[in-house]
Amino acid sequence: MSTITITSLPVFNNSNFTYKKPELKVNSFSITDILELTETSPKAIIVIERLNFFLKTDADRQQFVTRWIDGYKGNLKNTTAIMRLSKDIGSSYYTYNNYSELEKMDIFDALERLFLHPINVGMRMEYERLGASLRQLYDLKMDDPKLSLMTVLLFV
């Protein structure tokens, strides 16, 4: 696991003795390090897929670790918290302005941006089997933004 240094220095202010908030300094984190931190099995393929999808840089992974240590999880299950936090950090990589912009992309890149999750082999096969159009999927997603790709494919 990566080296972590946590420092807390005393601060004197108006004769009161207080502690400065601890600073977290990290060399770099891997997805494996995050799995260990969150006590997630290395066999959790979907979790790993999502972490790789959203946490693209060392800064993203460091932000994830910092927020996790600061208590992000709360009362959520680990998997739910991991998915939400990673999406919160990395969703900015998958923005688009309108349908026309999506239409110019490779279909699977467009679907990843539209649904904000990686498109795996099973999803690709189902999409191709049904012969759905990007326009159909876009319209269904706009009707209910919470829907996943596999759910939308049920309506095609």
N, C-alpha and C. Protein backbone atom coordinates (compact mmCIF):
# COMPACT_ATOMS: atom_id res chain seq x y z
N MET A 1 0.84 -1.18 0.00
CA MET A 1 0.00 0.00 0.00
C MET A 1 0.88 1.23 0.00
N SER A 2 0.39 2.32 -0.53
CA SER A 2 1.14 3.56 -0.62
C SER A 2 1.44 4.14 0.74
N THR A 3 2.46 4.97 0.79
CA THR A 3 2.86 5.61 2.02
C THR A 3 1.89 6.74 2.36
N ILE A 4 1.42 6.74 3.60
CA ILE A 4 0.52 7.78 4.06
C ILE A 4 1.16 8.45 5.27
N THR A 5 1.18 9.77 5.26
CA THR A 5 1.70 10.52 6.39
C THR A 5 0.59 11.45 6.88
N ILE A 6 0.23 11.30 8.13
CA ILE A 6 -0.78 12.19 8.70
C ILE A 6 -0.09 13.02 9.78
N THR A 7 -0.19 14.32 9.66
CA THR A 7 0.45 15.20 10.63
C THR A 7 -0.59 16.10 11.26
N SER A 8 -0.43 16.32 12.53
CA SER A 8 -1.28 17.26 13.25
C SER A 8 -0.38 18.12 14.11
N LEU A 9 -0.33 19.39 13.83
CA LEU A 9 0.55 20.29 14.54
C LEU A 9 -0.25 21.16 15.50
N PRO A 10 0.31 21.40 16.70
CA PRO A 10 -0.40 22.30 17.62
C PRO A 10 -0.36 23.73 17.08
N VAL A 11 -1.44 24.45 17.30
CA VAL A 11 -1.54 25.83 16.87
C VAL A 11 -1.91 26.66 18.11
N PHE A 12 -1.17 27.74 18.33
CA PHE A 12 -1.45 28.60 19.47
C PHE A 12 -2.18 29.84 18.96
N ASN A 13 -3.35 30.09 19.54
CA ASN A 13 -4.17 31.21 19.09
C ASN A 13 -4.77 31.87 20.33
N ASN A 14 -4.41 33.12 20.58
CA ASN A 14 -4.95 33.87 21.74
C ASN A 14 -4.82 33.09 23.03
N SER A 15 -3.69 32.50 23.24
CA SER A 15 -3.38 31.72 24.45
C SER A 15 -4.19 30.45 24.56
N ASN A 16 -4.95 30.10 23.55
CA ASN A 16 -5.68 28.84 23.57
C ASN A 16 -4.88 27.81 22.78
N PHE A 17 -4.83 26.63 23.28
CA PHE A 17 -4.10 25.56 22.60
C PHE A 17 -5.10 24.74 21.79
N THR A 18 -4.95 24.73 20.48
CA THR A 18 -5.83 23.95 19.61
C THR A 18 -4.99 23.13 18.65
N TYR A 19 -5.64 22.21 17.98
CA TYR A 19 -4.96 21.41 16.97
C TYR A 19 -5.44 21.78 15.59
N LYS A 20 -4.51 21.87 14.70
CA LYS A 20 -4.82 22.09 13.30
C LYS A 20 -5.35 20.77 12.74
N LYS A 21 -6.30 20.84 11.81
CA LYS A 21 -6.85 19.63 11.19
C LYS A 21 -5.71 18.82 10.56
N PRO A 22 -5.71 17.51 10.77
CA PRO A 22 -4.64 16.69 10.20
C PRO A 22 -4.58 16.80 8.68
N GLU A 23 -3.38 16.81 8.17
CA GLU A 23 -3.17 16.83 6.72
C GLU A 23 -2.80 15.43 6.26
N LEU A 24 -3.37 15.03 5.16
CA LEU A 24 -3.09 13.71 4.60
C LEU A 24 -2.21 13.89 3.38
N LYS A 25 -1.02 13.31 3.41
CA LYS A 25 -0.12 13.37 2.27
C LYS A 25 0.09 11.96 1.75
N VAL A 26 -0.16 11.80 0.47
CA VAL A 26 -0.11 10.48 -0.14
C VAL A 26 0.82 10.53 -1.34
N ASN A 27 1.68 9.51 -1.46
CA ASN A 27 2.52 9.44 -2.65
C ASN A 27 1.64 9.17 -3.85
N SER A 28 0.96 8.08 -3.87
CA SER A 28 -0.05 7.77 -4.89
C SER A 28 -0.80 6.52 -4.46
N PHE A 29 -2.02 6.39 -4.94
CA PHE A 29 -2.85 5.24 -4.62
C PHE A 29 -3.21 4.51 -5.88
N SER A 30 -3.31 3.21 -5.78
CA SER A 30 -3.80 2.39 -6.88
C SER A 30 -5.23 1.96 -6.54
N ILE A 31 -5.89 1.39 -7.52
CA ILE A 31 -7.23 0.85 -7.27
C ILE A 31 -7.15 -0.26 -6.23
N THR A 32 -6.09 -1.05 -6.27
CA THR A 32 -5.89 -2.12 -5.28
C THR A 32 -5.81 -1.54 -3.87
N ASP A 33 -5.11 -0.41 -3.72
CA ASP A 33 -5.02 0.26 -2.42
C ASP A 33 -6.41 0.69 -1.93
N ILE A 34 -7.20 1.19 -2.84
CA ILE A 34 -8.55 1.63 -2.49
C ILE A 34 -9.41 0.44 -2.07
N LEU A 35 -9.26 -0.68 -2.77
CA LEU A 35 -10.00 -1.89 -2.38
C LEU A 35 -9.63 -2.31 -0.97
N GLU A 36 -8.34 -2.26 -0.63
CA GLU A 36 -7.89 -2.61 0.72
C GLU A 36 -8.47 -1.64 1.74
N LEU A 37 -8.39 -0.36 1.45
CA LEU A 37 -8.90 0.67 2.36
C LEU A 37 -10.39 0.48 2.65
N THR A 38 -11.15 0.17 1.61
CA THR A 38 -12.60 0.05 1.75
C THR A 38 -13.04 -1.37 2.11
N GLU A 39 -12.06 -2.24 2.31
CA GLU A 39 -12.32 -3.65 2.66
C GLU A 39 -13.22 -4.32 1.63
N THR A 40 -12.88 -4.10 0.34
CA THR A 40 -13.63 -4.65 -0.77
C THR A 40 -12.83 -5.77 -1.40
N SER A 41 -13.48 -6.85 -1.72
CA SER A 41 -12.82 -8.01 -2.32
C SER A 41 -12.23 -7.67 -3.68
N PRO A 42 -11.04 -8.17 -3.97
CA PRO A 42 -10.46 -7.97 -5.30
C PRO A 42 -11.23 -8.73 -6.39
N LYS A 43 -12.21 -9.52 -5.99
CA LYS A 43 -13.06 -10.24 -6.94
C LYS A 43 -14.31 -9.43 -7.31
N ALA A 44 -14.46 -8.25 -6.72
CA ALA A 44 -15.63 -7.40 -6.98
C ALA A 44 -15.41 -6.66 -8.31
N ILE A 45 -15.63 -7.38 -9.38
CA ILE A 45 -15.30 -6.89 -10.72
C ILE A 45 -16.04 -5.60 -11.07
N ILE A 46 -17.29 -5.51 -10.74
CA ILE A 46 -18.07 -4.31 -11.10
C ILE A 46 -17.56 -3.09 -10.33
N VAL A 47 -17.21 -3.28 -9.06
CA VAL A 47 -16.67 -2.17 -8.27
C VAL A 47 -15.33 -1.72 -8.87
N ILE A 48 -14.48 -2.66 -9.21
CA ILE A 48 -13.18 -2.33 -9.81
C ILE A 48 -13.38 -1.61 -11.15
N GLU A 49 -14.33 -2.11 -11.93
CA GLU A 49 -14.63 -1.49 -13.23
C GLU A 49 -15.05 -0.03 -13.04
N ARG A 50 -15.90 0.23 -12.07
CA ARG A 50 -16.36 1.60 -11.80
C ARG A 50 -15.23 2.48 -11.28
N LEU A 51 -14.41 1.94 -10.38
CA LEU A 51 -13.29 2.73 -9.86
C LEU A 51 -12.34 3.11 -10.99
N ASN A 52 -12.02 2.17 -11.85
CA ASN A 52 -11.14 2.46 -12.99
C ASN A 52 -11.78 3.46 -13.94
N PHE A 53 -13.08 3.38 -14.09
CA PHE A 53 -13.82 4.27 -14.99
C PHE A 53 -13.82 5.71 -14.50
N PHE A 54 -14.02 5.92 -13.20
CA PHE A 54 -14.16 7.26 -12.67
C PHE A 54 -12.88 7.85 -12.08
N LEU A 55 -12.03 7.03 -11.52
CA LEU A 55 -10.82 7.55 -10.85
C LEU A 55 -9.63 7.42 -11.79
N LYS A 56 -9.50 8.35 -12.70
CA LYS A 56 -8.52 8.27 -13.78
C LYS A 56 -7.12 8.76 -13.39
N THR A 57 -7.02 9.65 -12.43
CA THR A 57 -5.72 10.23 -12.09
C THR A 57 -5.35 9.97 -10.64
N ASP A 58 -4.08 10.21 -10.31
CA ASP A 58 -3.65 10.09 -8.91
C ASP A 58 -4.43 11.06 -8.03
N ALA A 59 -4.71 12.25 -8.55
CA ALA A 59 -5.47 13.24 -7.78
C ALA A 59 -6.88 12.73 -7.48
N ASP A 60 -7.50 12.05 -8.43
CA ASP A 60 -8.84 11.48 -8.21
C ASP A 60 -8.78 10.43 -7.11
N ARG A 61 -7.80 9.55 -7.19
CA ARG A 61 -7.68 8.48 -6.19
C ARG A 61 -7.35 9.05 -4.81
N GLN A 62 -6.52 10.08 -4.78
CA GLN A 62 -6.21 10.71 -3.50
C GLN A 62 -7.45 11.37 -2.91
N GLN A 63 -8.22 12.04 -3.75
CA GLN A 63 -9.47 12.66 -3.28
C GLN A 63 -10.41 11.60 -2.73
N PHE A 64 -10.50 10.46 -3.41
CA PHE A 64 -11.35 9.36 -2.93
C PHE A 64 -10.91 8.93 -1.54
N VAL A 65 -9.62 8.67 -1.38
CA VAL A 65 -9.10 8.20 -0.09
C VAL A 65 -9.33 9.24 0.99
N THR A 66 -9.05 10.48 0.70
CA THR A 66 -9.23 11.55 1.69
C THR A 66 -10.69 11.64 2.13
N ARG A 67 -11.59 11.64 1.18
CA ARG A 67 -13.02 11.74 1.53
C ARG A 67 -13.51 10.49 2.26
N TRP A 68 -12.98 9.32 1.89
CA TRP A 68 -13.36 8.07 2.56
C TRP A 68 -12.91 8.12 4.02
N ILE A 69 -11.66 8.52 4.24
CA ILE A 69 -11.11 8.60 5.60
C ILE A 69 -11.86 9.65 6.42
N ASP A 70 -12.29 10.72 5.76
CA ASP A 70 -13.05 11.78 6.45
C ASP A 70 -14.47 11.36 6.80
N GLY A 71 -14.86 10.13 6.46
CA GLY A 71 -16.16 9.63 6.88
C GLY A 71 -17.25 9.67 5.82
N TYR A 72 -16.89 9.68 4.56
CA TYR A 72 -17.89 9.75 3.49
C TYR A 72 -18.92 8.63 3.60
N LYS A 73 -18.48 7.44 3.94
CA LYS A 73 -19.35 6.27 3.92
C LYS A 73 -20.62 6.44 4.74
N GLY A 74 -20.49 7.00 5.91
CA GLY A 74 -21.66 7.15 6.78
C GLY A 74 -22.33 5.82 7.04
N ASN A 75 -23.64 5.77 6.86
CA ASN A 75 -24.39 4.55 7.11
C ASN A 75 -24.62 3.71 5.85
N LEU A 76 -24.02 4.11 4.74
CA LEU A 76 -24.21 3.38 3.49
C LEU A 76 -23.42 2.07 3.50
N LYS A 77 -23.88 1.12 2.71
CA LYS A 77 -23.10 -0.09 2.50
C LYS A 77 -21.84 0.29 1.75
N ASN A 78 -20.75 -0.47 1.93
CA ASN A 78 -19.49 -0.15 1.26
C ASN A 78 -19.65 0.02 -0.24
N THR A 79 -20.29 -0.94 -0.89
CA THR A 79 -20.41 -0.90 -2.34
C THR A 79 -21.16 0.34 -2.80
N THR A 80 -22.25 0.67 -2.16
CA THR A 80 -23.03 1.85 -2.51
C THR A 80 -22.19 3.11 -2.33
N ALA A 81 -21.51 3.21 -1.22
CA ALA A 81 -20.68 4.39 -0.94
C ALA A 81 -19.54 4.51 -1.94
N ILE A 82 -18.90 3.41 -2.28
CA ILE A 82 -17.80 3.42 -3.24
C ILE A 82 -18.30 3.91 -4.60
N MET A 83 -19.42 3.37 -5.05
CA MET A 83 -19.97 3.75 -6.35
C MET A 83 -20.33 5.24 -6.37
N ARG A 84 -20.99 5.72 -5.33
CA ARG A 84 -21.41 7.12 -5.29
C ARG A 84 -20.21 8.07 -5.23
N LEU A 85 -19.27 7.76 -4.37
CA LEU A 85 -18.12 8.64 -4.21
C LEU A 85 -17.28 8.68 -5.48
N SER A 86 -17.01 7.54 -6.08
CA SER A 86 -16.21 7.53 -7.31
C SER A 86 -16.93 8.28 -8.43
N LYS A 87 -18.24 8.11 -8.52
CA LYS A 87 -19.02 8.83 -9.54
C LYS A 87 -19.00 10.33 -9.28
N ASP A 88 -19.11 10.71 -8.02
CA ASP A 88 -19.07 12.12 -7.65
C ASP A 88 -17.74 12.76 -8.06
N ILE A 89 -16.66 12.03 -7.90
CA ILE A 89 -15.33 12.55 -8.23
C ILE A 89 -15.09 12.56 -9.74
N GLY A 90 -15.46 11.49 -10.44
CA GLY A 90 -15.05 11.35 -11.83
C GLY A 90 -16.08 11.60 -12.90
N SER A 91 -17.29 11.96 -12.55
CA SER A 91 -18.32 12.13 -13.59
C SER A 91 -18.01 13.29 -14.54
N SER A 92 -17.17 14.21 -14.10
CA SER A 92 -16.83 15.35 -14.97
C SER A 92 -16.06 14.93 -16.22
N TYR A 93 -15.49 13.74 -16.22
CA TYR A 93 -14.79 13.23 -17.40
C TYR A 93 -15.76 12.84 -18.52
N TYR A 94 -17.02 12.69 -18.18
CA TYR A 94 -18.00 12.14 -19.12
C TYR A 94 -19.14 13.11 -19.38
N THR A 95 -18.80 14.34 -19.69
CA THR A 95 -19.83 15.34 -19.95
C THR A 95 -20.13 15.44 -21.45
N TYR A 96 -21.27 15.95 -21.75
CA TYR A 96 -21.67 16.26 -23.12
C TYR A 96 -22.72 17.35 -23.02
N ASN A 97 -22.88 18.10 -24.11
CA ASN A 97 -23.80 19.23 -24.08
C ASN A 97 -25.17 18.91 -24.66
N ASN A 98 -25.20 18.04 -25.68
CA ASN A 98 -26.47 17.75 -26.32
C ASN A 98 -26.36 16.45 -27.12
N TYR A 99 -27.48 16.05 -27.68
CA TYR A 99 -27.53 14.80 -28.45
C TYR A 99 -26.58 14.84 -29.65
N SER A 100 -26.48 15.96 -30.31
CA SER A 100 -25.61 16.09 -31.49
C SER A 100 -24.17 15.75 -31.17
N GLU A 101 -23.74 16.16 -29.99
CA GLU A 101 -22.36 15.87 -29.57
C GLU A 101 -22.17 14.36 -29.36
N LEU A 102 -23.15 13.71 -28.76
CA LEU A 102 -23.09 12.25 -28.56
C LEU A 102 -23.07 11.52 -29.90
N GLU A 103 -23.87 12.01 -30.82
CA GLU A 103 -24.03 11.37 -32.12
C GLU A 103 -22.72 11.31 -32.91
N LYS A 104 -21.82 12.24 -32.66
CA LYS A 104 -20.54 12.31 -33.35
C LYS A 104 -19.51 11.33 -32.79
N MET A 105 -19.78 10.76 -31.63
CA MET A 105 -18.84 9.86 -30.95
C MET A 105 -19.04 8.42 -31.38
N ASP A 106 -18.04 7.60 -31.06
CA ASP A 106 -18.20 6.16 -31.14
C ASP A 106 -19.39 5.80 -30.26
N ILE A 107 -20.22 4.87 -30.71
CA ILE A 107 -21.46 4.56 -30.00
C ILE A 107 -21.23 4.18 -28.53
N PHE A 108 -20.19 3.41 -28.27
CA PHE A 108 -19.98 2.96 -26.89
C PHE A 108 -19.40 4.06 -26.01
N ASP A 109 -18.61 4.97 -26.58
CA ASP A 109 -18.18 6.16 -25.83
C ASP A 109 -19.39 7.03 -25.51
N ALA A 110 -20.28 7.17 -26.47
CA ALA A 110 -21.49 7.96 -26.26
C ALA A 110 -22.36 7.35 -25.16
N LEU A 111 -22.50 6.03 -25.16
CA LEU A 111 -23.30 5.36 -24.14
C LEU A 111 -22.67 5.52 -22.76
N GLU A 112 -21.34 5.47 -22.68
CA GLU A 112 -20.67 5.67 -21.38
C GLU A 112 -20.94 7.08 -20.86
N ARG A 113 -20.91 8.05 -21.72
CA ARG A 113 -21.19 9.42 -21.28
C ARG A 113 -22.66 9.59 -20.89
N LEU A 114 -23.54 9.00 -21.68
CA LEU A 114 -24.97 9.13 -21.42
C LEU A 114 -25.37 8.47 -20.11
N PHE A 115 -24.86 7.26 -19.85
CA PHE A 115 -25.29 6.50 -18.67
C PHE A 115 -24.32 6.56 -17.50
N LEU A 116 -23.17 7.20 -17.69
CA LEU A 116 -22.17 7.36 -16.64
C LEU A 116 -21.76 6.05 -15.98
N HIS A 117 -21.51 5.06 -16.80
CA HIS A 117 -20.88 3.84 -16.31
C HIS A 117 -20.22 3.13 -17.47
N PRO A 118 -19.21 2.30 -17.16
CA PRO A 118 -18.52 1.60 -18.25
C PRO A 118 -19.45 0.63 -18.95
N ILE A 119 -19.26 0.50 -20.25
CA ILE A 119 -20.07 -0.43 -21.04
C ILE A 119 -19.26 -1.71 -21.22
N ASN A 120 -19.69 -2.77 -20.56
CA ASN A 120 -18.95 -4.03 -20.63
C ASN A 120 -19.42 -4.88 -21.82
N VAL A 121 -18.79 -6.01 -22.00
CA VAL A 121 -19.08 -6.88 -23.15
C VAL A 121 -20.54 -7.31 -23.18
N GLY A 122 -21.10 -7.66 -22.04
CA GLY A 122 -22.50 -8.08 -21.98
C GLY A 122 -23.45 -6.98 -22.42
N MET A 123 -23.17 -5.77 -22.01
CA MET A 123 -24.00 -4.63 -22.39
C MET A 123 -23.88 -4.36 -23.89
N ARG A 124 -22.66 -4.48 -24.41
CA ARG A 124 -22.44 -4.29 -25.85
C ARG A 124 -23.23 -5.32 -26.66
N MET A 125 -23.16 -6.57 -26.21
CA MET A 125 -23.86 -7.64 -26.92
C MET A 125 -25.37 -7.42 -26.90
N GLU A 126 -25.89 -7.02 -25.76
CA GLU A 126 -27.33 -6.78 -25.64
C GLU A 126 -27.76 -5.60 -26.51
N TYR A 127 -26.97 -4.54 -26.50
CA TYR A 127 -27.25 -3.38 -27.34
C TYR A 127 -27.29 -3.79 -28.82
N GLU A 128 -26.29 -4.54 -29.25
CA GLU A 128 -26.22 -4.96 -30.65
C GLU A 128 -27.33 -5.95 -31.00
N ARG A 129 -27.66 -6.85 -30.07
CA ARG A 129 -28.72 -7.83 -30.32
C ARG A 129 -30.07 -7.15 -30.54
N LEU A 130 -30.33 -6.11 -29.76
CA LEU A 130 -31.62 -5.42 -29.86
C LEU A 130 -31.68 -4.44 -31.02
N GLY A 131 -30.52 -4.02 -31.49
CA GLY A 131 -30.50 -3.06 -32.60
C GLY A 131 -31.06 -1.70 -32.22
N ALA A 132 -30.89 -1.32 -30.99
CA ALA A 132 -31.40 -0.04 -30.51
C ALA A 132 -30.62 1.11 -31.13
N SER A 133 -31.27 2.24 -31.28
CA SER A 133 -30.57 3.42 -31.79
C SER A 133 -30.17 4.30 -30.61
N LEU A 134 -29.12 5.07 -30.82
CA LEU A 134 -28.69 6.02 -29.80
C LEU A 134 -29.82 7.00 -29.48
N ARG A 135 -30.57 7.41 -30.50
CA ARG A 135 -31.68 8.35 -30.30
C ARG A 135 -32.73 7.77 -29.35
N GLN A 136 -33.09 6.49 -29.55
CA GLN A 136 -34.07 5.84 -28.67
C GLN A 136 -33.57 5.84 -27.23
N LEU A 137 -32.32 5.45 -27.04
CA LEU A 137 -31.76 5.36 -25.70
C LEU A 137 -31.66 6.74 -25.06
N TYR A 138 -31.26 7.72 -25.84
CA TYR A 138 -31.16 9.10 -25.36
C TYR A 138 -32.52 9.60 -24.88
N ASP A 139 -33.55 9.40 -25.69
CA ASP A 139 -34.89 9.86 -25.33
C ASP A 139 -35.39 9.19 -24.05
N LEU A 140 -35.17 7.89 -23.93
CA LEU A 140 -35.59 7.17 -22.72
C LEU A 140 -34.82 7.66 -21.49
N LYS A 141 -33.54 7.90 -21.66
CA LYS A 141 -32.71 8.40 -20.54
C LYS A 141 -33.15 9.79 -20.13
N MET A 142 -33.50 10.63 -21.09
CA MET A 142 -33.95 11.98 -20.77
C MET A 142 -35.30 11.96 -20.05
N ASP A 143 -36.14 10.97 -20.37
CA ASP A 143 -37.43 10.83 -19.68
C ASP A 143 -37.25 10.46 -18.22
N ASP A 144 -36.22 9.62 -17.94
CA ASP A 144 -35.94 9.22 -16.55
C ASP A 144 -34.43 9.09 -16.37
N PRO A 145 -33.77 10.16 -15.93
CA PRO A 145 -32.31 10.19 -15.83
C PRO A 145 -31.70 9.14 -14.89
N LYS A 146 -32.50 8.53 -14.02
CA LYS A 146 -31.96 7.53 -13.09
C LYS A 146 -31.78 6.16 -13.71
N LEU A 147 -32.31 5.94 -14.90
CA LEU A 147 -32.26 4.63 -15.52
C LEU A 147 -30.85 4.25 -15.98
N SER A 148 -30.53 2.98 -15.83
CA SER A 148 -29.25 2.45 -16.32
C SER A 148 -29.42 1.98 -17.76
N LEU A 149 -28.33 1.69 -18.43
CA LEU A 149 -28.40 1.22 -19.81
C LEU A 149 -29.21 -0.06 -19.91
N MET A 150 -28.94 -1.03 -19.05
CA MET A 150 -29.65 -2.31 -19.14
C MET A 150 -31.15 -2.14 -18.90
N THR A 151 -31.53 -1.22 -18.03
CA THR A 151 -32.94 -0.96 -17.80
C THR A 151 -33.58 -0.31 -19.03
N VAL A 152 -32.90 0.66 -19.62
CA VAL A 152 -33.40 1.33 -20.81
C VAL A 152 -33.55 0.33 -21.96
N LEU A 153 -32.62 -0.60 -22.07
CA LEU A 153 -32.70 -1.60 -23.13
C LEU A 153 -33.94 -2.48 -23.02
N LEU A 154 -34.50 -2.60 -21.82
CA LEU A 154 -35.74 -3.36 -21.63
C LEU A 154 -36.93 -2.69 -22.33
N PHE A 155 -36.84 -1.38 -22.53
CA PHE A 155 -37.94 -0.62 -23.12
C PHE A 155 -37.82 -0.48 -24.65
N VAL A 156 -36.75 -0.98 -25.20
CA VAL A 156 -36.52 -0.84 -26.66
C VAL A 156 -37.27 -1.91 -27.41
